[in-house]
Amino acid sequence: MGVEHRRQHRLPVALAVRIRGMDAAGIRFEETVFSHDISRGGCSLEISRELEVGAELEVEIVRHVPGPAGESPFETQGVVLRCVPAAGPGDDLYTVGIQFTGPHFPTYASEGS
């Protein structure tokens, strides 16, 4: 197993993430999925479309906050760092790693843990 070289600590959390962009076939899409994990600088998730490495995406993460607002969307841009077929048998899903190129996601845990 290789050494972990990530710049930020990843938080294993399933948040609703809306992704908009162009898939590998050149078709515009919008899909809402749940994250596997999120850090200040990116996220990992599974999506039903193959994406090209380097593809630019619009990313919206829905956060639930206490109080009357209930939801607080976080919007940013991202670029696909990796896209590989998901590991499950019969899955028509792709595991995608996204690096945020716009605002970074505010995390609420120690980055050093």
C-alpha atoms as a PDB file:
ATOM      1  CA  MET A   1       0.000   0.000   0.000  1.00  0.00           C
ATOM      2  CA  GLY A   2       1.401   3.424  -0.946  1.00  0.00           C
ATOM      3  CA  VAL A   3       2.057   6.410   1.249  1.00  0.00           C
ATOM      4  CA  GLU A   4      -0.769   8.954   1.559  1.00  0.00           C
ATOM      5  CA  HIS A   5       0.246  12.326   0.049  1.00  0.00           C
ATOM      6  CA  ARG A   6      -2.982  14.304   0.339  1.00  0.00           C
ATOM      7  CA  ARG A   7      -2.709  17.947   1.382  1.00  0.00           C
ATOM      8  CA  GLN A   8      -5.935  17.933   3.420  1.00  0.00           C
ATOM      9  CA  HIS A   9      -7.563  15.439   5.725  1.00  0.00           C
ATOM     10  CA  ARG A  10     -10.581  13.734   4.159  1.00  0.00           C
ATOM     11  CA  LEU A  11     -13.783  13.476   6.160  1.00  0.00           C
ATOM     12  CA  PRO A  12     -15.825  10.341   5.386  1.00  0.00           C
ATOM     13  CA  VAL A  13     -19.264  11.922   4.989  1.00  0.00           C
ATOM     14  CA  ALA A  14     -22.244  11.353   2.697  1.00  0.00           C
ATOM     15  CA  LEU A  15     -23.473  14.784   1.630  1.00  0.00           C
ATOM     16  CA  ALA A  16     -25.717  15.447  -1.376  1.00  0.00           C
ATOM     17  CA  VAL A  17     -23.566  16.742  -4.247  1.00  0.00           C
ATOM     18  CA  ARG A  18     -24.988  18.130  -7.480  1.00  0.00           C
ATOM     19  CA  ILE A  19     -22.522  17.879 -10.383  1.00  0.00           C
ATOM     20  CA  ARG A  20     -22.930  19.693 -13.715  1.00  0.00           C
ATOM     21  CA  GLY A  21     -20.627  19.443 -16.695  1.00  0.00           C
ATOM     22  CA  MET A  22     -19.785  17.499 -19.828  1.00  0.00           C
ATOM     23  CA  ASP A  23     -19.323  13.722 -19.770  1.00  0.00           C
ATOM     24  CA  ALA A  24     -16.710  11.746 -21.735  1.00  0.00           C
ATOM     25  CA  ALA A  25     -19.126  11.452 -24.695  1.00  0.00           C
ATOM     26  CA  GLY A  26     -19.449  15.250 -24.890  1.00  0.00           C
ATOM     27  CA  ILE A  27     -22.999  15.319 -23.494  1.00  0.00           C
ATOM     28  CA  ARG A  28     -23.964  17.968 -20.920  1.00  0.00           C
ATOM     29  CA  PHE A  29     -25.348  16.454 -17.728  1.00  0.00           C
ATOM     30  CA  GLU A  30     -26.525  17.234 -14.222  1.00  0.00           C
ATOM     31  CA  GLU A  31     -26.583  14.536 -11.568  1.00  0.00           C
ATOM     32  CA  THR A  32     -27.094  14.525  -7.797  1.00  0.00           C
ATOM     33  CA  VAL A  33     -25.220  11.861  -5.830  1.00  0.00           C
ATOM     34  CA  PHE A  34     -23.765  11.415  -2.332  1.00  0.00           C
ATOM     35  CA  SER A  35     -20.121  11.992  -1.493  1.00  0.00           C
ATOM     36  CA  HIS A  36     -17.821   9.255  -0.169  1.00  0.00           C
ATOM     37  CA  ASP A  37     -15.579  11.810   1.468  1.00  0.00           C
ATOM     38  CA  ILE A  38     -14.847  15.531   1.404  1.00  0.00           C
ATOM     39  CA  SER A  39     -11.854  17.681   2.253  1.00  0.00           C
ATOM     40  CA  ARG A  40     -11.331  21.427   2.007  1.00  0.00           C
ATOM     41  CA  GLY A  41      -9.895  20.976  -1.482  1.00  0.00           C
ATOM     42  CA  GLY A  42     -11.980  18.236  -3.072  1.00  0.00           C
ATOM     43  CA  CYS A  43     -14.279  15.253  -2.841  1.00  0.00           C
ATOM     44  CA  SER A  44     -14.764  11.683  -3.974  1.00  0.00           C
ATOM     45  CA  LEU A  45     -18.065  10.238  -5.183  1.00  0.00           C
ATOM     46  CA  GLU A  46     -19.683   7.745  -7.544  1.00  0.00           C
ATOM     47  CA  ILE A  47     -21.513   8.911 -10.646  1.00  0.00           C
ATOM     48  CA  SER A  48     -23.325   7.114 -13.473  1.00  0.00           C
ATOM     49  CA  ARG A  49     -21.295   8.804 -16.239  1.00  0.00           C
ATOM     50  CA  GLU A  50     -17.720   8.430 -17.332  1.00  0.00           C
ATOM     51  CA  LEU A  51     -15.860  11.743 -17.079  1.00  0.00           C
ATOM     52  CA  GLU A  52     -12.600  12.793 -18.704  1.00  0.00           C
ATOM     53  CA  VAL A  53      -9.650  13.573 -16.455  1.00  0.00           C
ATOM     54  CA  GLY A  54      -9.275  17.347 -16.574  1.00  0.00           C
ATOM     55  CA  ALA A  55     -12.982  17.970 -17.242  1.00  0.00           C
ATOM     56  CA  GLU A  56     -14.301  21.103 -15.551  1.00  0.00           C
ATOM     57  CA  LEU A  57     -17.391  20.774 -13.366  1.00  0.00           C
ATOM     58  CA  GLU A  58     -19.812  22.920 -11.417  1.00  0.00           C
ATOM     59  CA  VAL A  59     -20.208  21.473  -7.911  1.00  0.00           C
ATOM     60  CA  GLU A  60     -22.930  22.188  -5.359  1.00  0.00           C
ATOM     61  CA  ILE A  61     -22.765  20.522  -1.945  1.00  0.00           C
ATOM     62  CA  VAL A  62     -25.886  20.657   0.226  1.00  0.00           C
ATOM     63  CA  ARG A  63     -25.085  21.112   3.913  1.00  0.00           C
ATOM     64  CA  HIS A  64     -27.718  20.801   6.620  1.00  0.00           C
ATOM     65  CA  VAL A  65     -27.340  23.524   9.228  1.00  0.00           C
ATOM     66  CA  PRO A  66     -29.204  24.030  12.494  1.00  0.00           C
ATOM     67  CA  GLY A  67     -31.904  26.671  12.542  1.00  0.00           C
ATOM     68  CA  PRO A  68     -34.676  27.854  10.255  1.00  0.00           C
ATOM     69  CA  ALA A  69     -32.555  27.825   7.078  1.00  0.00           C
ATOM     70  CA  GLY A  70     -32.166  24.021   7.203  1.00  0.00           C
ATOM     71  CA  GLU A  71     -29.941  23.785   4.119  1.00  0.00           C
ATOM     72  CA  SER A  72     -26.966  25.841   3.062  1.00  0.00           C
ATOM     73  CA  PRO A  73     -25.657  25.073  -0.432  1.00  0.00           C
ATOM     74  CA  PHE A  74     -21.922  25.437  -1.037  1.00  0.00           C
ATOM     75  CA  GLU A  75     -21.115  26.176  -4.676  1.00  0.00           C
ATOM     76  CA  THR A  76     -17.716  25.880  -6.327  1.00  0.00           C
ATOM     77  CA  GLN A  77     -15.980  24.693  -9.465  1.00  0.00           C
ATOM     78  CA  GLY A  78     -13.843  21.590  -9.797  1.00  0.00           C
ATOM     79  CA  VAL A  79     -11.707  19.527 -12.113  1.00  0.00           C
ATOM     80  CA  VAL A  80     -11.747  15.732 -12.478  1.00  0.00           C
ATOM     81  CA  LEU A  81      -8.493  14.212 -11.164  1.00  0.00           C
ATOM     82  CA  ARG A  82      -9.513  10.601 -11.681  1.00  0.00           C
ATOM     83  CA  CYS A  83     -12.412   8.570 -12.998  1.00  0.00           C
ATOM     84  CA  VAL A  84     -12.332   4.776 -12.701  1.00  0.00           C
ATOM     85  CA  PRO A  85     -15.025   2.104 -12.913  1.00  0.00           C
ATOM     86  CA  ALA A  86     -16.555   1.428  -9.483  1.00  0.00           C
ATOM     87  CA  ALA A  87     -15.466  -1.785  -7.787  1.00  0.00           C
ATOM     88  CA  GLY A  88     -18.886  -3.398  -7.258  1.00  0.00           C
ATOM     89  CA  PRO A  89     -19.975  -6.278  -9.514  1.00  0.00           C
ATOM     90  CA  GLY A  90     -22.520  -5.165 -12.091  1.00  0.00           C
ATOM     91  CA  ASP A  91     -22.010  -1.505 -11.219  1.00  0.00           C
ATOM     92  CA  ASP A  92     -22.448   0.944 -14.060  1.00  0.00           C
ATOM     93  CA  LEU A  93     -20.873   3.604 -11.862  1.00  0.00           C
ATOM     94  CA  TYR A  94     -17.589   5.473 -11.888  1.00  0.00           C
ATOM     95  CA  THR A  95     -15.601   6.582  -8.854  1.00  0.00           C
ATOM     96  CA  VAL A  96     -14.581  10.192  -9.437  1.00  0.00           C
ATOM     97  CA  GLY A  97     -12.045  12.310  -7.582  1.00  0.00           C
ATOM     98  CA  ILE A  98     -12.663  16.054  -7.888  1.00  0.00           C
ATOM     99  CA  GLN A  99     -10.290  18.861  -6.929  1.00  0.00           C
ATOM    100  CA  PHE A 100     -12.000  22.161  -6.165  1.00  0.00           C
ATOM    101  CA  THR A 101     -10.667  24.985  -8.336  1.00  0.00           C
ATOM    102  CA  GLY A 102     -13.048  27.586  -6.910  1.00  0.00           C
ATOM    103  CA  PRO A 103     -13.764  28.270  -3.232  1.00  0.00           C
ATOM    104  CA  HIS A 104     -12.647  25.551  -0.830  1.00  0.00           C
ATOM    105  CA  PHE A 105     -15.128  23.677   1.332  1.00  0.00           C
ATOM    106  CA  PRO A 106     -15.246  24.778   4.988  1.00  0.00           C
ATOM    107  CA  THR A 107     -14.617  21.761   7.198  1.00  0.00           C
ATOM    108  CA  TYR A 108     -15.401  21.593  10.884  1.00  0.00           C
ATOM    109  CA  ALA A 109     -12.810  19.096  12.099  1.00  0.00           C
ATOM    110  CA  SER A 110      -9.120  19.406  12.793  1.00  0.00           C
ATOM    111  CA  GLU A 111      -7.097  19.214   9.561  1.00  0.00           C
ATOM    112  CA  GLY A 112      -4.319  17.517  11.506  1.00  0.00           C
ATOM    113  CA  SER A 113      -6.310  14.528  12.732  1.00  0.00           C
END
